[in-house]
Amino acid sequence: MNDTQAPGGPADGTKRPDSSRRSERSRRAIYDAALALVAELGYGRTTIEGIAARAGVGKQTIYRWWPSKAAVLMEAFLDLADQAAGGETGFPDTGDLAADLGLVLRATVDEMNNPVYEAPTRALAAEGIVDPELGAQFVEKLLDPSLQLYVRRLRSAEAAGQLRAGIDHRIAVELLVGPLTHRWLMRTLPLTHEYADALVDYALAGLAPRD
């Protein structure tokens, strides 16, 4: 065997293309194409054909990995969320519950106002209403993991005596994120940091008169 020939490689000694690397490039191109098209055209006008053309891959490549455009968008958005998190999956716990909640809600406001996140999130939420399977995935993979971070922080605050013992943590979380989501969905009023701060204040202090 020629000294320059890699074992199992071509006779001329050149390396075979790395199929796994090529597949990863194609996958990421598909993610980018799906997110871009949904932002530009909306979910209804985005098609598998359009995603394939934008990504520079064959339509069958997409169908080999995903059953539908909703599945493509779900995975692309999960990847986008992972990149934005930068590997951080925790919730701040400085000992100041109001400050920690305010920090996270303000970041959520910024994300909801960012077109990069807004378009795919609206598309997945809307499609999940008419597609029960996708809706269940949306809750399991996107919504619940986020809400559980709130729940763990509230439990920590309860253990520290900062909250009333025995509260329903899920209801407490809904008091914070429910109004934010409602305003975002309805688009009737702007989402601002001041609104996020007010939600924390109302949820923690209630609406009763204060001494």
N, C-alpha and C. Protein backbone atom coordinates (compact mmCIF):
# COMPACT_ATOMS: atom_id res chain seq x y z
N MET A 1 0.84 -1.20 0.00
CA MET A 1 0.00 0.00 0.00
C MET A 1 0.87 1.25 0.00
N ASN A 2 0.52 2.25 -0.75
CA ASN A 2 1.25 3.50 -0.79
C ASN A 2 1.27 4.15 0.58
N ASP A 3 2.44 4.69 1.01
CA ASP A 3 2.56 5.28 2.34
C ASP A 3 1.61 6.45 2.55
N THR A 4 1.22 7.12 1.47
CA THR A 4 0.35 8.29 1.61
C THR A 4 -1.12 7.93 1.62
N GLN A 5 -1.43 6.67 1.39
CA GLN A 5 -2.83 6.27 1.32
C GLN A 5 -3.35 5.96 2.71
N ALA A 6 -4.45 6.61 3.11
CA ALA A 6 -5.06 6.34 4.40
C ALA A 6 -5.72 4.98 4.36
N PRO A 7 -5.63 4.23 5.47
CA PRO A 7 -6.28 2.92 5.50
C PRO A 7 -7.76 3.04 5.17
N GLY A 8 -8.19 2.29 4.22
CA GLY A 8 -9.59 2.31 3.84
C GLY A 8 -9.99 3.50 3.01
N GLY A 9 -9.03 4.40 2.68
CA GLY A 9 -9.34 5.61 1.94
C GLY A 9 -9.19 5.38 0.46
N PRO A 10 -9.47 6.41 -0.35
CA PRO A 10 -9.33 6.30 -1.79
C PRO A 10 -7.89 6.00 -2.18
N ALA A 11 -7.70 5.43 -3.36
CA ALA A 11 -6.37 5.03 -3.81
C ALA A 11 -5.43 6.21 -3.97
N ASP A 12 -5.98 7.42 -4.22
CA ASP A 12 -5.10 8.58 -4.43
C ASP A 12 -4.68 9.22 -3.12
N GLY A 13 -5.11 8.65 -1.99
CA GLY A 13 -4.68 9.18 -0.70
C GLY A 13 -5.52 10.30 -0.16
N THR A 14 -6.50 10.79 -0.92
CA THR A 14 -7.35 11.87 -0.43
C THR A 14 -8.36 11.32 0.58
N LYS A 15 -8.81 12.19 1.46
CA LYS A 15 -9.77 11.77 2.48
C LYS A 15 -11.19 11.79 1.92
N ARG A 16 -11.99 10.84 2.38
CA ARG A 16 -13.40 10.86 2.02
C ARG A 16 -14.09 12.02 2.74
N PRO A 17 -15.11 12.62 2.14
CA PRO A 17 -15.86 13.67 2.83
C PRO A 17 -16.46 13.13 4.12
N ASP A 18 -16.46 13.95 5.14
CA ASP A 18 -17.04 13.58 6.43
C ASP A 18 -18.55 13.75 6.33
N SER A 19 -19.27 12.62 6.22
CA SER A 19 -20.72 12.69 6.02
C SER A 19 -21.44 13.27 7.22
N SER A 20 -20.92 13.00 8.43
CA SER A 20 -21.58 13.54 9.62
C SER A 20 -21.47 15.06 9.67
N ARG A 21 -20.30 15.58 9.26
CA ARG A 21 -20.13 17.03 9.24
C ARG A 21 -21.02 17.66 8.17
N ARG A 22 -21.10 17.00 7.02
CA ARG A 22 -21.95 17.50 5.95
C ARG A 22 -23.42 17.50 6.38
N SER A 23 -23.84 16.44 7.08
CA SER A 23 -25.21 16.36 7.56
C SER A 23 -25.50 17.47 8.57
N GLU A 24 -24.54 17.75 9.44
CA GLU A 24 -24.75 18.80 10.43
C GLU A 24 -24.86 20.16 9.76
N ARG A 25 -24.06 20.42 8.73
CA ARG A 25 -24.17 21.68 7.99
C ARG A 25 -25.54 21.80 7.34
N SER A 26 -26.01 20.71 6.75
CA SER A 26 -27.32 20.73 6.11
C SER A 26 -28.43 20.95 7.14
N ARG A 27 -28.31 20.28 8.28
CA ARG A 27 -29.32 20.43 9.33
C ARG A 27 -29.39 21.87 9.81
N ARG A 28 -28.22 22.47 10.01
CA ARG A 28 -28.22 23.85 10.51
C ARG A 28 -28.74 24.82 9.44
N ALA A 29 -28.45 24.54 8.18
CA ALA A 29 -28.97 25.37 7.10
C ALA A 29 -30.49 25.27 7.05
N ILE A 30 -31.02 24.10 7.33
CA ILE A 30 -32.48 23.91 7.35
C ILE A 30 -33.09 24.66 8.52
N TYR A 31 -32.46 24.59 9.69
CA TYR A 31 -32.94 25.37 10.84
C TYR A 31 -33.03 26.85 10.47
N ASP A 32 -31.93 27.38 9.95
CA ASP A 32 -31.87 28.81 9.63
C ASP A 32 -32.94 29.18 8.59
N ALA A 33 -33.10 28.32 7.60
CA ALA A 33 -34.08 28.60 6.54
C ALA A 33 -35.49 28.60 7.09
N ALA A 34 -35.81 27.63 7.94
CA ALA A 34 -37.16 27.53 8.49
C ALA A 34 -37.50 28.77 9.33
N LEU A 35 -36.57 29.17 10.19
CA LEU A 35 -36.82 30.33 11.05
C LEU A 35 -36.93 31.61 10.23
N ALA A 36 -36.08 31.74 9.22
CA ALA A 36 -36.10 32.95 8.39
C ALA A 36 -37.39 33.04 7.60
N LEU A 37 -37.84 31.95 7.03
CA LEU A 37 -39.05 31.98 6.20
C LEU A 37 -40.30 32.24 7.03
N VAL A 38 -40.36 31.66 8.21
CA VAL A 38 -41.51 31.93 9.07
C VAL A 38 -41.56 33.41 9.46
N ALA A 39 -40.38 33.98 9.74
CA ALA A 39 -40.33 35.40 10.08
C ALA A 39 -40.73 36.27 8.89
N GLU A 40 -40.32 35.88 7.68
CA GLU A 40 -40.58 36.68 6.49
C GLU A 40 -41.99 36.48 5.93
N LEU A 41 -42.45 35.25 5.91
CA LEU A 41 -43.70 34.91 5.21
C LEU A 41 -44.85 34.55 6.13
N GLY A 42 -44.54 34.18 7.36
CA GLY A 42 -45.56 33.63 8.23
C GLY A 42 -45.61 32.12 8.11
N TYR A 43 -46.21 31.47 9.08
CA TYR A 43 -46.22 30.01 9.10
C TYR A 43 -47.00 29.43 7.92
N GLY A 44 -48.16 30.02 7.62
CA GLY A 44 -49.03 29.47 6.59
C GLY A 44 -48.39 29.42 5.22
N ARG A 45 -47.57 30.39 4.89
CA ARG A 45 -46.96 30.46 3.56
C ARG A 45 -45.59 29.78 3.50
N THR A 46 -45.10 29.33 4.65
CA THR A 46 -43.84 28.60 4.66
C THR A 46 -44.09 27.14 4.28
N THR A 47 -43.29 26.62 3.38
CA THR A 47 -43.47 25.25 2.90
C THR A 47 -42.16 24.48 3.01
N ILE A 48 -42.29 23.16 2.97
CA ILE A 48 -41.09 22.31 2.96
C ILE A 48 -40.25 22.63 1.72
N GLU A 49 -40.93 22.84 0.58
CA GLU A 49 -40.21 23.17 -0.65
C GLU A 49 -39.42 24.47 -0.48
N GLY A 50 -40.05 25.45 0.14
CA GLY A 50 -39.38 26.73 0.36
C GLY A 50 -38.19 26.61 1.29
N ILE A 51 -38.36 25.82 2.35
CA ILE A 51 -37.26 25.60 3.30
C ILE A 51 -36.10 24.91 2.59
N ALA A 52 -36.42 23.89 1.81
CA ALA A 52 -35.37 23.16 1.09
C ALA A 52 -34.61 24.07 0.14
N ALA A 53 -35.36 24.90 -0.61
CA ALA A 53 -34.71 25.80 -1.56
C ALA A 53 -33.82 26.80 -0.85
N ARG A 54 -34.31 27.38 0.26
CA ARG A 54 -33.52 28.36 1.00
C ARG A 54 -32.27 27.72 1.61
N ALA A 55 -32.42 26.47 2.07
CA ALA A 55 -31.30 25.79 2.72
C ALA A 55 -30.32 25.18 1.72
N GLY A 56 -30.74 25.07 0.44
CA GLY A 56 -29.88 24.47 -0.56
C GLY A 56 -29.78 22.96 -0.45
N VAL A 57 -30.89 22.34 -0.01
CA VAL A 57 -30.91 20.88 0.10
C VAL A 57 -32.12 20.35 -0.67
N GLY A 58 -32.17 19.05 -0.87
CA GLY A 58 -33.31 18.44 -1.52
C GLY A 58 -34.48 18.29 -0.56
N LYS A 59 -35.67 18.34 -1.09
CA LYS A 59 -36.87 18.18 -0.26
C LYS A 59 -36.86 16.86 0.50
N GLN A 60 -36.36 15.81 -0.15
CA GLN A 60 -36.34 14.50 0.49
C GLN A 60 -35.39 14.45 1.68
N THR A 61 -34.38 15.31 1.67
CA THR A 61 -33.49 15.39 2.83
C THR A 61 -34.27 15.81 4.06
N ILE A 62 -35.15 16.79 3.89
CA ILE A 62 -35.96 17.24 5.02
C ILE A 62 -36.92 16.16 5.47
N TYR A 63 -37.60 15.52 4.53
CA TYR A 63 -38.56 14.49 4.90
C TYR A 63 -37.89 13.26 5.51
N ARG A 64 -36.61 13.08 5.24
CA ARG A 64 -35.89 11.96 5.84
C ARG A 64 -35.67 12.20 7.33
N TRP A 65 -35.60 13.49 7.73
CA TRP A 65 -35.33 13.82 9.13
C TRP A 65 -36.57 14.27 9.90
N TRP A 66 -37.53 14.85 9.20
CA TRP A 66 -38.72 15.37 9.89
C TRP A 66 -39.99 15.01 9.11
N PRO A 67 -41.10 14.80 9.81
CA PRO A 67 -42.34 14.42 9.13
C PRO A 67 -43.13 15.61 8.58
N SER A 68 -42.84 16.82 9.06
CA SER A 68 -43.64 17.98 8.67
C SER A 68 -42.87 19.27 8.89
N LYS A 69 -43.40 20.36 8.34
CA LYS A 69 -42.73 21.65 8.56
C LYS A 69 -42.85 22.07 10.01
N ALA A 70 -43.94 21.66 10.69
CA ALA A 70 -44.09 21.98 12.11
C ALA A 70 -42.97 21.32 12.92
N ALA A 71 -42.65 20.10 12.59
CA ALA A 71 -41.57 19.40 13.29
C ALA A 71 -40.22 20.06 13.03
N VAL A 72 -40.01 20.51 11.79
CA VAL A 72 -38.78 21.24 11.47
C VAL A 72 -38.68 22.50 12.32
N LEU A 73 -39.76 23.25 12.35
CA LEU A 73 -39.75 24.51 13.09
C LEU A 73 -39.57 24.29 14.59
N MET A 74 -40.20 23.25 15.12
CA MET A 74 -40.05 22.94 16.54
C MET A 74 -38.59 22.70 16.89
N GLU A 75 -37.94 21.85 16.10
CA GLU A 75 -36.54 21.53 16.39
C GLU A 75 -35.64 22.74 16.16
N ALA A 76 -35.93 23.52 15.13
CA ALA A 76 -35.13 24.71 14.86
C ALA A 76 -35.25 25.71 16.01
N PHE A 77 -36.47 25.85 16.54
CA PHE A 77 -36.67 26.80 17.63
C PHE A 77 -36.01 26.32 18.92
N LEU A 78 -36.07 25.01 19.18
CA LEU A 78 -35.39 24.48 20.36
C LEU A 78 -33.89 24.72 20.26
N ASP A 79 -33.34 24.55 19.07
CA ASP A 79 -31.92 24.81 18.86
C ASP A 79 -31.61 26.28 19.08
N LEU A 80 -32.49 27.16 18.59
CA LEU A 80 -32.29 28.59 18.77
C LEU A 80 -32.32 28.95 20.24
N ALA A 81 -33.26 28.36 20.98
CA ALA A 81 -33.37 28.64 22.41
C ALA A 81 -32.13 28.16 23.16
N ASP A 82 -31.61 27.00 22.76
CA ASP A 82 -30.40 26.48 23.40
C ASP A 82 -29.21 27.41 23.16
N GLN A 83 -29.11 27.92 21.94
CA GLN A 83 -28.01 28.84 21.63
C GLN A 83 -28.13 30.13 22.43
N ALA A 84 -29.36 30.63 22.55
CA ALA A 84 -29.58 31.87 23.29
C ALA A 84 -29.24 31.69 24.76
N ALA A 85 -29.55 30.50 25.29
CA ALA A 85 -29.27 30.24 26.71
C ALA A 85 -27.78 30.09 26.96
N GLY A 86 -27.04 29.75 25.92
CA GLY A 86 -25.59 29.60 26.07
C GLY A 86 -25.21 28.53 27.07
N GLY A 87 -26.06 27.51 27.19
CA GLY A 87 -25.77 26.44 28.15
C GLY A 87 -26.30 26.71 29.53
N GLU A 88 -26.76 27.94 29.79
CA GLU A 88 -27.31 28.28 31.09
C GLU A 88 -28.77 27.85 31.16
N THR A 89 -29.10 26.98 32.11
CA THR A 89 -30.47 26.51 32.24
C THR A 89 -31.05 26.78 33.62
N GLY A 90 -30.34 27.57 34.42
CA GLY A 90 -30.79 27.85 35.77
C GLY A 90 -31.63 29.11 35.86
N PHE A 91 -31.96 29.47 37.10
CA PHE A 91 -32.76 30.65 37.39
C PHE A 91 -32.00 31.40 38.47
N PRO A 92 -31.83 32.72 38.36
CA PRO A 92 -31.05 33.44 39.37
C PRO A 92 -31.64 33.27 40.76
N ASP A 93 -30.78 33.09 41.73
CA ASP A 93 -31.21 32.97 43.13
C ASP A 93 -30.25 33.77 43.99
N THR A 94 -30.51 35.07 44.03
CA THR A 94 -29.65 35.98 44.79
C THR A 94 -30.11 36.14 46.23
N GLY A 95 -31.28 35.56 46.55
CA GLY A 95 -31.89 35.77 47.85
C GLY A 95 -32.96 36.84 47.81
N ASP A 96 -32.98 37.63 46.74
CA ASP A 96 -33.99 38.66 46.54
C ASP A 96 -34.96 38.16 45.48
N LEU A 97 -36.09 37.61 45.92
CA LEU A 97 -37.02 36.97 44.99
C LEU A 97 -37.56 37.97 43.97
N ALA A 98 -37.95 39.16 44.42
CA ALA A 98 -38.52 40.14 43.50
C ALA A 98 -37.51 40.53 42.42
N ALA A 99 -36.26 40.72 42.81
CA ALA A 99 -35.23 41.09 41.84
C ALA A 99 -34.99 39.95 40.85
N ASP A 100 -34.95 38.73 41.34
CA ASP A 100 -34.71 37.58 40.46
C ASP A 100 -35.85 37.41 39.46
N LEU A 101 -37.09 37.50 39.94
CA LEU A 101 -38.24 37.37 39.05
C LEU A 101 -38.27 38.51 38.04
N GLY A 102 -37.98 39.70 38.49
CA GLY A 102 -37.97 40.85 37.58
C GLY A 102 -36.92 40.70 36.49
N LEU A 103 -35.76 40.18 36.85
CA LEU A 103 -34.69 39.99 35.87
C LEU A 103 -35.13 39.02 34.78
N VAL A 104 -35.75 37.92 35.19
CA VAL A 104 -36.17 36.90 34.22
C VAL A 104 -37.33 37.40 33.37
N LEU A 105 -38.30 38.07 33.98
CA LEU A 105 -39.43 38.57 33.21
C LEU A 105 -39.00 39.66 32.22
N ARG A 106 -38.07 40.50 32.61
CA ARG A 106 -37.56 41.51 31.68
C ARG A 106 -36.88 40.84 30.49
N ALA A 107 -36.11 39.79 30.75
CA ALA A 107 -35.47 39.06 29.66
C ALA A 107 -36.51 38.40 28.77
N THR A 108 -37.60 37.93 29.37
CA THR A 108 -38.68 37.33 28.59
C THR A 108 -39.36 38.37 27.71
N VAL A 109 -39.55 39.57 28.23
CA VAL A 109 -40.11 40.66 27.44
C VAL A 109 -39.23 40.93 26.22
N ASP A 110 -37.93 41.01 26.45
CA ASP A 110 -37.00 41.28 25.34
C ASP A 110 -37.09 40.18 24.29
N GLU A 111 -37.20 38.93 24.74
CA GLU A 111 -37.28 37.81 23.81
C GLU A 111 -38.59 37.86 23.02
N MET A 112 -39.69 38.15 23.72
CA MET A 112 -40.99 38.20 23.04
C MET A 112 -41.06 39.34 22.03
N ASN A 113 -40.31 40.40 22.27
CA ASN A 113 -40.30 41.53 21.34
C ASN A 113 -39.30 41.36 20.20
N ASN A 114 -38.49 40.31 20.28
CA ASN A 114 -37.47 40.06 19.26
C ASN A 114 -38.10 39.27 18.12
N PRO A 115 -38.13 39.82 16.89
CA PRO A 115 -38.76 39.10 15.76
C PRO A 115 -38.18 37.71 15.51
N VAL A 116 -36.91 37.52 15.86
CA VAL A 116 -36.29 36.22 15.65
C VAL A 116 -37.02 35.13 16.44
N TYR A 117 -37.46 35.49 17.66
CA TYR A 117 -38.17 34.53 18.49
C TYR A 117 -39.68 34.63 18.32
N GLU A 118 -40.17 35.84 18.10
CA GLU A 118 -41.62 36.06 18.09
C GLU A 118 -42.32 35.25 17.00
N ALA A 119 -41.81 35.31 15.77
CA ALA A 119 -42.50 34.64 14.65
C ALA A 119 -42.62 33.13 14.85
N PRO A 120 -41.52 32.42 15.16
CA PRO A 120 -41.67 30.97 15.35
C PRO A 120 -42.48 30.61 16.57
N THR A 121 -42.39 31.42 17.64
CA THR A 121 -43.18 31.12 18.83
C THR A 121 -44.67 31.25 18.54
N ARG A 122 -45.06 32.31 17.86
CA ARG A 122 -46.47 32.48 17.49
C ARG A 122 -46.93 31.35 16.57
N ALA A 123 -46.07 30.98 15.63
CA ALA A 123 -46.43 29.92 14.69
C ALA A 123 -46.65 28.60 15.41
N LEU A 124 -45.75 28.25 16.31
CA LEU A 124 -45.88 26.99 17.04
C LEU A 124 -47.09 27.01 17.97
N ALA A 125 -47.32 28.15 18.64
CA ALA A 125 -48.46 28.24 19.54
C ALA A 125 -49.77 28.11 18.77
N ALA A 126 -49.87 28.78 17.63
CA ALA A 126 -51.09 28.73 16.83
C ALA A 126 -51.32 27.36 16.24
N GLU A 127 -50.27 26.77 15.69
CA GLU A 127 -50.42 25.45 15.07
C GLU A 127 -50.71 24.39 16.13
N GLY A 128 -50.18 24.60 17.32
CA GLY A 128 -50.43 23.64 18.40
C GLY A 128 -51.88 23.57 18.83
N ILE A 129 -52.65 24.62 18.55
CA ILE A 129 -54.07 24.62 18.89
C ILE A 129 -54.84 23.65 18.00
N VAL A 130 -54.47 23.59 16.72
CA VAL A 130 -55.19 22.73 15.78
C VAL A 130 -54.52 21.37 15.59
N ASP A 131 -53.29 21.23 16.05
CA ASP A 131 -52.56 19.97 15.94
C ASP A 131 -52.23 19.51 17.36
N PRO A 132 -53.06 18.63 17.95
CA PRO A 132 -52.86 18.22 19.35
C PRO A 132 -51.48 17.63 19.62
N GLU A 133 -50.96 16.88 18.67
CA GLU A 133 -49.64 16.27 18.88
C GLU A 133 -48.55 17.33 18.97
N LEU A 134 -48.61 18.30 18.06
CA LEU A 134 -47.64 19.39 18.11
C LEU A 134 -47.84 20.22 19.37
N GLY A 135 -49.12 20.46 19.73
CA GLY A 135 -49.39 21.22 20.94
C GLY A 135 -48.79 20.56 22.17
N ALA A 136 -48.90 19.23 22.25
CA ALA A 136 -48.33 18.50 23.38
C ALA A 136 -46.80 18.63 23.39
N GLN A 137 -46.18 18.58 22.21
CA GLN A 137 -44.73 18.76 22.12
C GLN A 137 -44.33 20.17 22.54
N PHE A 138 -45.13 21.15 22.12
CA PHE A 138 -44.85 22.55 22.47
C PHE A 138 -44.83 22.72 23.99
N VAL A 139 -45.81 22.12 24.66
CA VAL A 139 -45.89 22.22 26.11
C VAL A 139 -44.73 21.46 26.76
N GLU A 140 -44.50 20.22 26.28
CA GLU A 140 -43.49 19.37 26.90
C GLU A 140 -42.07 19.90 26.71
N LYS A 141 -41.76 20.35 25.50
CA LYS A 141 -40.37 20.70 25.18
C LYS A 141 -40.05 22.17 25.39
N LEU A 142 -41.05 23.05 25.28
CA LEU A 142 -40.78 24.48 25.37
C LEU A 142 -41.35 25.12 26.64
N LEU A 143 -42.63 24.86 26.89
CA LEU A 143 -43.30 25.58 27.97
C LEU A 143 -42.96 25.04 29.34
N ASP A 144 -43.17 23.74 29.55
CA ASP A 144 -42.98 23.17 30.89
C ASP A 144 -41.55 23.33 31.43
N PRO A 145 -40.51 23.08 30.63
CA PRO A 145 -39.16 23.26 31.19
C PRO A 145 -38.92 24.68 31.70
N SER A 146 -39.46 25.66 30.99
CA SER A 146 -39.31 27.04 31.43
C SER A 146 -40.07 27.31 32.73
N LEU A 147 -41.30 26.80 32.80
CA LEU A 147 -42.12 27.03 33.99
C LEU A 147 -41.54 26.33 35.21
N GLN A 148 -40.91 25.18 35.01
CA GLN A 148 -40.33 24.46 36.14
C GLN A 148 -39.18 25.23 36.77
N LEU A 149 -38.49 26.06 35.99
CA LEU A 149 -37.44 26.91 36.56
C LEU A 149 -38.04 27.91 37.53
N TYR A 150 -39.19 28.47 37.19
CA TYR A 150 -39.90 29.36 38.10
C TYR A 150 -40.31 28.61 39.37
N VAL A 151 -40.87 27.43 39.18
CA VAL A 151 -41.35 26.65 40.32
C VAL A 151 -40.22 26.38 41.31
N ARG A 152 -39.06 25.98 40.81
CA ARG A 152 -37.94 25.69 41.70
C ARG A 152 -37.50 26.94 42.47
N ARG A 153 -37.53 28.09 41.78
CA ARG A 153 -37.13 29.33 42.47
C ARG A 153 -38.15 29.69 43.55
N LEU A 154 -39.42 29.50 43.28
CA LEU A 154 -40.45 29.80 44.27
C LEU A 154 -40.35 28.85 45.47
N ARG A 155 -40.04 27.60 45.22
CA ARG A 155 -39.87 26.66 46.33
C ARG A 155 -38.70 27.08 47.22
N SER A 156 -37.63 27.56 46.59
CA SER A 156 -36.49 28.05 47.36
C SER A 156 -36.90 29.24 48.22
N ALA A 157 -37.70 30.14 47.64
CA ALA A 157 -38.16 31.31 48.40
C ALA A 157 -39.09 30.89 49.54
N GLU A 158 -39.93 29.90 49.29
CA GLU A 158 -40.83 29.41 50.34
C GLU A 158 -40.04 28.81 51.49
N ALA A 159 -39.01 28.03 51.16
CA ALA A 159 -38.18 27.41 52.18
C ALA A 159 -37.45 28.47 53.01
N ALA A 160 -37.16 29.61 52.38
CA ALA A 160 -36.46 30.70 53.07
C ALA A 160 -37.43 31.60 53.85
N GLY A 161 -38.72 31.27 53.82
CA GLY A 161 -39.71 32.06 54.55
C GLY A 161 -40.13 33.32 53.84
N GLN A 162 -39.82 33.43 52.54
CA GLN A 162 -40.18 34.64 51.79
C GLN A 162 -41.57 34.55 51.18
N LEU A 163 -42.16 33.36 51.18
CA LEU A 163 -43.51 33.17 50.66
C LEU A 163 -44.34 32.40 51.67
N ARG A 164 -45.63 32.54 51.57
CA ARG A 164 -46.53 31.82 52.45
C ARG A 164 -46.38 30.31 52.22
N ALA A 165 -46.32 29.55 53.29
CA ALA A 165 -46.16 28.10 53.18
C ALA A 165 -47.40 27.47 52.57
N GLY A 166 -47.16 26.45 51.77
CA GLY A 166 -48.26 25.68 51.21
C GLY A 166 -48.91 26.27 49.97
N ILE A 167 -48.27 27.26 49.33
CA ILE A 167 -48.87 27.84 48.13
C ILE A 167 -48.81 26.85 46.97
N ASP A 168 -49.70 27.03 46.01
CA ASP A 168 -49.64 26.25 44.78
C ASP A 168 -48.65 26.96 43.86
N HIS A 169 -47.49 26.35 43.67
CA HIS A 169 -46.42 27.03 42.92
C HIS A 169 -46.78 27.25 41.47
N ARG A 170 -47.55 26.32 40.90
CA ARG A 170 -47.91 26.48 39.49
C ARG A 170 -48.85 27.67 39.31
N ILE A 171 -49.80 27.85 40.22
CA ILE A 171 -50.67 29.02 40.14
C ILE A 171 -49.85 30.30 40.31
N ALA A 172 -48.90 30.25 41.23
CA ALA A 172 -48.05 31.43 41.45
C ALA A 172 -47.29 31.81 40.18
N VAL A 173 -46.78 30.79 39.47
CA VAL A 173 -46.07 31.05 38.22
C VAL A 173 -47.01 31.64 37.18
N GLU A 174 -48.23 31.11 37.13
CA GLU A 174 -49.21 31.60 36.14
C GLU A 174 -49.57 33.06 36.40
N LEU A 175 -49.53 33.48 37.66
CA LEU A 175 -49.78 34.90 37.97
C LEU A 175 -48.72 35.80 37.35
N LEU A 176 -47.54 35.26 37.15
CA LEU A 176 -46.45 36.03 36.58
C LEU A 176 -46.43 35.97 35.06
N VAL A 177 -46.44 34.76 34.52
CA VAL A 177 -46.25 34.62 33.07
C VAL A 177 -47.57 34.67 32.29
N GLY A 178 -48.69 34.38 32.96
CA GLY A 178 -49.98 34.40 32.26
C GLY A 178 -50.32 35.76 31.67
N PRO A 179 -50.29 36.82 32.48
CA PRO A 179 -50.60 38.15 31.94
C PRO A 179 -49.62 38.58 30.85
N LEU A 180 -48.35 38.22 31.01
CA LEU A 180 -47.35 38.57 30.01
C LEU A 180 -47.69 37.92 28.67
N THR A 181 -48.02 36.64 28.73
CA THR A 181 -48.36 35.90 27.51
C THR A 181 -49.64 36.44 26.88
N HIS A 182 -50.62 36.77 27.72
CA HIS A 182 -51.89 37.29 27.21
C HIS A 182 -51.68 38.60 26.46
N ARG A 183 -50.91 39.50 27.04
CA ARG A 183 -50.66 40.79 26.38
C ARG A 183 -49.89 40.58 25.08
N TRP A 184 -48.96 39.63 25.09
CA TRP A 184 -48.18 39.34 23.88
C TRP A 184 -49.08 38.78 22.79
N LEU A 185 -49.98 37.87 23.15
CA LEU A 185 -50.86 37.27 22.16
C LEU A 185 -51.85 38.28 21.58
N MET A 186 -52.39 39.12 22.44
CA MET A 186 -53.43 40.05 22.01
C MET A 186 -52.87 41.25 21.25
N ARG A 187 -51.63 41.61 21.52
CA ARG A 187 -50.97 42.75 20.86
C ARG A 187 -51.73 44.07 21.06
N THR A 188 -52.43 44.17 22.16
CA THR A 188 -53.21 45.39 22.39
C THR A 188 -52.39 46.47 23.08
N LEU A 189 -51.45 46.06 23.91
CA LEU A 189 -50.63 47.00 24.65
C LEU A 189 -49.16 46.57 24.55
N PRO A 190 -48.25 47.50 24.67
CA PRO A 190 -46.83 47.15 24.51
C PRO A 190 -46.31 46.32 25.68
N LEU A 191 -45.36 45.46 25.38
CA LEU A 191 -44.64 44.73 26.42
C LEU A 191 -43.40 45.52 26.78
N THR A 192 -43.28 45.89 28.05
CA THR A 192 -42.16 46.70 28.50
C THR A 192 -41.57 46.13 29.78
N HIS A 193 -40.38 46.60 30.12
CA HIS A 193 -39.77 46.21 31.39
C HIS A 193 -40.62 46.70 32.56
N GLU A 194 -41.20 47.87 32.42
CA GLU A 194 -42.04 48.42 33.49
C GLU A 194 -43.25 47.51 33.75
N TYR A 195 -43.80 46.95 32.69
CA TYR A 195 -44.92 46.03 32.84
C TYR A 195 -44.46 44.77 33.56
N ALA A 196 -43.30 44.26 33.20
CA ALA A 196 -42.76 43.07 33.87
C ALA A 196 -42.57 43.33 35.36
N ASP A 197 -42.04 44.51 35.70
CA ASP A 197 -41.83 44.86 37.11
C ASP A 197 -43.16 44.94 37.85
N ALA A 198 -44.17 45.49 37.19
CA ALA A 198 -45.49 45.61 37.82
C ALA A 198 -46.09 44.22 38.08
N LEU A 199 -45.89 43.29 37.17
CA LEU A 199 -46.40 41.94 37.37
C LEU A 199 -45.77 41.31 38.61
N VAL A 200 -44.48 41.49 38.78
CA VAL A 200 -43.80 40.94 39.96
C VAL A 200 -44.37 41.57 41.22
N ASP A 201 -44.55 42.89 41.20
CA ASP A 201 -45.07 43.61 42.35
C ASP A 201 -46.48 43.13 42.71
N TYR A 202 -47.35 43.04 41.72
CA TYR A 202 -48.73 42.62 41.96
C TYR A 202 -48.79 41.16 42.42
N ALA A 203 -47.98 40.30 41.80
CA ALA A 203 -48.03 38.88 42.15
C ALA A 203 -47.52 38.63 43.56
N LEU A 204 -46.47 39.34 43.96
CA LEU A 204 -45.88 39.11 45.27
C LEU A 204 -46.60 39.86 46.39
N ALA A 205 -47.07 41.06 46.08
CA ALA A 205 -47.66 41.89 47.14
C ALA A 205 -49.19 41.86 47.10
N GLY A 206 -49.77 41.40 46.01
CA GLY A 206 -51.22 41.36 45.93
C GLY A 206 -51.81 42.74 45.65
N LEU A 207 -53.11 42.80 45.68
CA LEU A 207 -53.83 44.05 45.37
C LEU A 207 -54.48 44.67 46.58
N ALA A 208 -54.35 44.05 47.72
CA ALA A 208 -54.97 44.58 48.94
C ALA A 208 -54.23 45.83 49.41
N PRO A 209 -54.91 46.71 50.16
CA PRO A 209 -54.23 47.89 50.70
C PRO A 209 -53.03 47.49 51.57
N ARG A 210 -52.00 48.30 51.52
CA ARG A 210 -50.79 48.01 52.31
C ARG A 210 -50.69 48.99 53.47
N ASP A 211 -50.09 48.54 54.56
CA ASP A 211 -49.86 49.41 55.70
C ASP A 211 -48.81 50.44 55.37
